[in-house]
Amino acid sequence: MDDFLIFSTNFLENVDYNQTDSMTEMNQLLFRQKVIENCLKGDESADFLFDVLEEQGIDSSSYVQEVEENVEFVISNGLILPNTIWNGSTCN
């Protein structure tokens, strides 16, 4: 399991997207995923992350709730894998 998967967002599909819209959304997805990763590493603030999410049409409160549910699922199902950042090891 990717260390950051439970914090990820999804590609925001829209039936009205043309090719340019899809490319714009893909670039936004890649940017927000990098911001999420940087926030988790302590290189970005949570406020900056929440601003990015809101600017891209993602409700930050809903995002936090979804992440909490993902974390609870991982913990309650024993899905923390050896040699990940979540069991006290360092990132490679």
N, C-alpha and C. Protein backbone atom coordinates (compact mmCIF):
# COMPACT_ATOMS: atom_id res chain seq x y z
N MET A 1 0.84 -1.18 0.00
CA MET A 1 0.00 0.00 0.00
C MET A 1 0.88 1.24 0.00
N ASP A 2 0.59 2.15 -0.89
CA ASP A 2 1.29 3.43 -0.94
C ASP A 2 1.04 4.16 0.37
N ASP A 3 2.09 4.70 0.96
CA ASP A 3 1.98 5.39 2.25
C ASP A 3 0.96 6.51 2.24
N PHE A 4 0.76 7.14 1.09
CA PHE A 4 -0.11 8.31 1.02
C PHE A 4 -1.47 8.01 0.40
N LEU A 5 -1.74 6.77 0.05
CA LEU A 5 -2.97 6.41 -0.64
C LEU A 5 -4.22 6.81 0.14
N ILE A 6 -4.22 6.63 1.45
CA ILE A 6 -5.40 6.93 2.24
C ILE A 6 -5.67 8.43 2.35
N PHE A 7 -4.74 9.25 1.89
CA PHE A 7 -4.90 10.70 1.91
C PHE A 7 -5.20 11.26 0.52
N SER A 8 -5.24 10.39 -0.48
CA SER A 8 -5.38 10.81 -1.88
C SER A 8 -6.77 11.34 -2.20
N THR A 9 -6.82 12.16 -3.23
CA THR A 9 -8.07 12.61 -3.81
C THR A 9 -8.24 11.90 -5.14
N ASN A 10 -9.38 12.09 -5.76
CA ASN A 10 -9.67 11.43 -7.03
C ASN A 10 -9.75 12.44 -8.16
N PHE A 11 -9.62 11.93 -9.36
CA PHE A 11 -9.86 12.72 -10.56
C PHE A 11 -11.33 13.11 -10.54
N LEU A 12 -11.62 14.39 -10.65
CA LEU A 12 -13.01 14.88 -10.60
C LEU A 12 -13.59 14.84 -12.01
N GLU A 13 -14.28 13.75 -12.33
CA GLU A 13 -14.84 13.57 -13.67
C GLU A 13 -16.09 14.42 -13.86
N ASN A 14 -16.31 14.80 -15.09
CA ASN A 14 -17.49 15.56 -15.46
C ASN A 14 -17.83 15.19 -16.89
N VAL A 15 -19.07 14.81 -17.14
CA VAL A 15 -19.47 14.39 -18.49
C VAL A 15 -19.31 15.50 -19.52
N ASP A 16 -19.28 16.74 -19.06
CA ASP A 16 -19.14 17.88 -19.97
C ASP A 16 -17.69 18.24 -20.27
N TYR A 17 -16.72 17.53 -19.68
CA TYR A 17 -15.31 17.84 -19.92
C TYR A 17 -14.94 17.55 -21.37
N ASN A 18 -14.20 18.49 -21.95
CA ASN A 18 -13.55 18.21 -23.23
C ASN A 18 -12.11 17.82 -22.92
N GLN A 19 -11.29 17.64 -23.92
CA GLN A 19 -9.91 17.20 -23.69
C GLN A 19 -9.13 18.22 -22.86
N THR A 20 -9.32 19.49 -23.11
CA THR A 20 -8.62 20.53 -22.35
C THR A 20 -9.04 20.51 -20.89
N ASP A 21 -10.35 20.37 -20.64
CA ASP A 21 -10.85 20.29 -19.26
C ASP A 21 -10.26 19.09 -18.53
N SER A 22 -10.18 17.96 -19.21
CA SER A 22 -9.62 16.74 -18.61
C SER A 22 -8.14 16.93 -18.27
N MET A 23 -7.40 17.58 -19.15
CA MET A 23 -5.99 17.83 -18.89
C MET A 23 -5.82 18.81 -17.73
N THR A 24 -6.68 19.81 -17.66
CA THR A 24 -6.64 20.76 -16.55
C THR A 24 -6.90 20.04 -15.23
N GLU A 25 -7.91 19.18 -15.21
CA GLU A 25 -8.22 18.43 -13.99
C GLU A 25 -7.07 17.50 -13.61
N MET A 26 -6.44 16.87 -14.60
CA MET A 26 -5.32 15.98 -14.30
C MET A 26 -4.17 16.78 -13.68
N ASN A 27 -3.89 17.95 -14.21
CA ASN A 27 -2.83 18.79 -13.63
C ASN A 27 -3.18 19.24 -12.22
N GLN A 28 -4.45 19.55 -11.98
CA GLN A 28 -4.89 19.93 -10.63
C GLN A 28 -4.76 18.75 -9.68
N LEU A 29 -5.13 17.56 -10.14
CA LEU A 29 -5.00 16.35 -9.32
C LEU A 29 -3.55 16.12 -8.92
N LEU A 30 -2.65 16.21 -9.88
CA LEU A 30 -1.23 16.00 -9.58
C LEU A 30 -0.71 17.06 -8.61
N PHE A 31 -1.14 18.31 -8.79
CA PHE A 31 -0.71 19.38 -7.89
C PHE A 31 -1.23 19.14 -6.47
N ARG A 32 -2.53 18.83 -6.34
CA ARG A 32 -3.06 18.66 -4.98
C ARG A 32 -2.48 17.42 -4.31
N GLN A 33 -2.17 16.38 -5.08
CA GLN A 33 -1.54 15.20 -4.49
C GLN A 33 -0.15 15.55 -3.95
N LYS A 34 0.57 16.39 -4.67
CA LYS A 34 1.89 16.83 -4.21
C LYS A 34 1.76 17.69 -2.96
N VAL A 35 0.76 18.56 -2.92
CA VAL A 35 0.53 19.39 -1.73
C VAL A 35 0.17 18.51 -0.54
N ILE A 36 -0.65 17.49 -0.75
CA ILE A 36 -1.01 16.56 0.33
C ILE A 36 0.24 15.87 0.86
N GLU A 37 1.05 15.35 -0.04
CA GLU A 37 2.29 14.68 0.36
C GLU A 37 3.20 15.63 1.14
N ASN A 38 3.35 16.85 0.63
CA ASN A 38 4.20 17.83 1.31
C ASN A 38 3.64 18.21 2.68
N CYS A 39 2.34 18.29 2.79
CA CYS A 39 1.71 18.59 4.08
C CYS A 39 1.99 17.48 5.08
N LEU A 40 1.86 16.24 4.64
CA LEU A 40 2.11 15.11 5.52
C LEU A 40 3.58 15.03 5.96
N LYS A 41 4.47 15.50 5.11
CA LYS A 41 5.89 15.51 5.44
C LYS A 41 6.27 16.74 6.27
N GLY A 42 5.32 17.67 6.44
CA GLY A 42 5.59 18.88 7.20
C GLY A 42 6.16 20.02 6.39
N ASP A 43 6.17 19.89 5.07
CA ASP A 43 6.73 20.92 4.20
C ASP A 43 5.69 21.96 3.76
N GLU A 44 4.42 21.69 3.97
CA GLU A 44 3.34 22.62 3.66
C GLU A 44 2.41 22.66 4.87
N SER A 45 1.70 23.76 5.04
CA SER A 45 0.75 23.87 6.15
C SER A 45 -0.59 23.25 5.77
N ALA A 46 -1.33 22.83 6.77
CA ALA A 46 -2.68 22.31 6.55
C ALA A 46 -3.56 23.40 5.95
N ASP A 47 -3.37 24.63 6.37
CA ASP A 47 -4.16 25.74 5.82
C ASP A 47 -3.94 25.88 4.32
N PHE A 48 -2.69 25.73 3.87
CA PHE A 48 -2.41 25.80 2.44
C PHE A 48 -3.10 24.66 1.71
N LEU A 49 -3.02 23.45 2.27
CA LEU A 49 -3.70 22.30 1.68
C LEU A 49 -5.20 22.55 1.57
N PHE A 50 -5.81 23.01 2.65
CA PHE A 50 -7.25 23.26 2.63
C PHE A 50 -7.62 24.33 1.60
N ASP A 51 -6.78 25.35 1.47
CA ASP A 51 -7.02 26.39 0.46
C ASP A 51 -6.98 25.79 -0.94
N VAL A 52 -5.99 24.95 -1.20
CA VAL A 52 -5.88 24.31 -2.52
C VAL A 52 -7.11 23.46 -2.80
N LEU A 53 -7.52 22.65 -1.82
CA LEU A 53 -8.70 21.81 -2.02
C LEU A 53 -9.93 22.64 -2.34
N GLU A 54 -10.15 23.69 -1.55
CA GLU A 54 -11.32 24.55 -1.76
C GLU A 54 -11.27 25.24 -3.13
N GLU A 55 -10.09 25.72 -3.52
CA GLU A 55 -9.94 26.38 -4.82
C GLU A 55 -10.23 25.42 -5.97
N GLN A 56 -10.00 24.12 -5.74
CA GLN A 56 -10.23 23.13 -6.78
C GLN A 56 -11.60 22.45 -6.65
N GLY A 57 -12.47 23.01 -5.82
CA GLY A 57 -13.84 22.52 -5.72
C GLY A 57 -14.04 21.34 -4.80
N ILE A 58 -13.10 21.10 -3.88
CA ILE A 58 -13.20 19.99 -2.93
C ILE A 58 -13.43 20.59 -1.55
N ASP A 59 -14.52 20.21 -0.91
CA ASP A 59 -14.82 20.69 0.43
C ASP A 59 -13.79 20.11 1.41
N SER A 60 -13.03 21.00 2.06
CA SER A 60 -11.95 20.54 2.93
C SER A 60 -12.47 19.76 4.14
N SER A 61 -13.63 20.13 4.66
CA SER A 61 -14.20 19.38 5.79
C SER A 61 -14.56 17.96 5.39
N SER A 62 -15.14 17.81 4.21
CA SER A 62 -15.47 16.47 3.70
C SER A 62 -14.21 15.65 3.47
N TYR A 63 -13.16 16.33 2.96
CA TYR A 63 -11.88 15.65 2.74
C TYR A 63 -11.33 15.12 4.07
N VAL A 64 -11.33 15.94 5.11
CA VAL A 64 -10.82 15.52 6.42
C VAL A 64 -11.64 14.34 6.95
N GLN A 65 -12.94 14.40 6.79
CA GLN A 65 -13.80 13.31 7.25
C GLN A 65 -13.48 12.01 6.50
N GLU A 66 -13.28 12.11 5.20
CA GLU A 66 -12.95 10.93 4.40
C GLU A 66 -11.60 10.34 4.82
N VAL A 67 -10.62 11.20 5.06
CA VAL A 67 -9.30 10.74 5.51
C VAL A 67 -9.42 10.04 6.87
N GLU A 68 -10.20 10.62 7.78
CA GLU A 68 -10.40 9.99 9.09
C GLU A 68 -10.99 8.59 8.94
N GLU A 69 -11.98 8.46 8.06
CA GLU A 69 -12.58 7.14 7.81
C GLU A 69 -11.56 6.17 7.22
N ASN A 70 -10.73 6.65 6.31
CA ASN A 70 -9.70 5.79 5.71
C ASN A 70 -8.69 5.33 6.76
N VAL A 71 -8.26 6.24 7.63
CA VAL A 71 -7.29 5.90 8.67
C VAL A 71 -7.91 4.88 9.63
N GLU A 72 -9.14 5.11 10.04
CA GLU A 72 -9.82 4.16 10.93
C GLU A 72 -9.93 2.78 10.29
N PHE A 73 -10.23 2.73 8.99
CA PHE A 73 -10.34 1.45 8.28
C PHE A 73 -8.99 0.72 8.26
N VAL A 74 -7.93 1.46 7.95
CA VAL A 74 -6.59 0.86 7.90
C VAL A 74 -6.20 0.31 9.27
N ILE A 75 -6.43 1.09 10.31
CA ILE A 75 -6.05 0.66 11.65
C ILE A 75 -6.90 -0.52 12.11
N SER A 76 -8.20 -0.43 11.93
CA SER A 76 -9.09 -1.48 12.43
C SER A 76 -8.94 -2.80 11.67
N ASN A 77 -8.41 -2.74 10.46
CA ASN A 77 -8.21 -3.96 9.67
C ASN A 77 -6.76 -4.41 9.61
N GLY A 78 -5.90 -3.79 10.41
CA GLY A 78 -4.51 -4.21 10.48
C GLY A 78 -3.78 -4.11 9.16
N LEU A 79 -4.04 -3.06 8.41
CA LEU A 79 -3.45 -2.93 7.08
C LEU A 79 -2.15 -2.15 7.05
N ILE A 80 -1.61 -1.79 8.21
CA ILE A 80 -0.34 -1.09 8.24
C ILE A 80 0.76 -2.09 7.92
N LEU A 81 1.50 -1.79 6.87
CA LEU A 81 2.51 -2.72 6.39
C LEU A 81 3.88 -2.39 6.96
N PRO A 82 4.74 -3.41 7.08
CA PRO A 82 6.11 -3.16 7.55
C PRO A 82 6.84 -2.18 6.63
N ASN A 83 7.78 -1.45 7.18
CA ASN A 83 8.64 -0.54 6.43
C ASN A 83 7.88 0.59 5.74
N THR A 84 6.81 1.06 6.37
CA THR A 84 6.12 2.24 5.87
C THR A 84 6.27 3.33 6.91
N ILE A 85 5.95 4.54 6.52
CA ILE A 85 6.09 5.65 7.46
C ILE A 85 5.10 5.53 8.62
N TRP A 86 4.09 4.71 8.50
CA TRP A 86 3.04 4.63 9.51
C TRP A 86 3.38 3.67 10.64
N ASN A 87 4.46 2.92 10.54
CA ASN A 87 4.81 2.04 11.66
C ASN A 87 6.09 2.48 12.37
N GLY A 88 6.45 3.74 12.17
CA GLY A 88 7.61 4.30 12.87
C GLY A 88 8.89 4.27 12.05
N SER A 89 8.88 3.62 10.90
CA SER A 89 10.05 3.62 10.03
C SER A 89 10.11 4.92 9.27
N THR A 90 11.24 5.19 8.67
CA THR A 90 11.37 6.41 7.88
C THR A 90 11.08 6.13 6.41
N CYS A 91 10.74 7.20 5.69
CA CYS A 91 10.53 7.07 4.25
C CYS A 91 11.86 6.83 3.55
N ASN A 92 11.81 6.10 2.48
CA ASN A 92 13.01 5.88 1.66
C ASN A 92 12.99 6.82 0.49
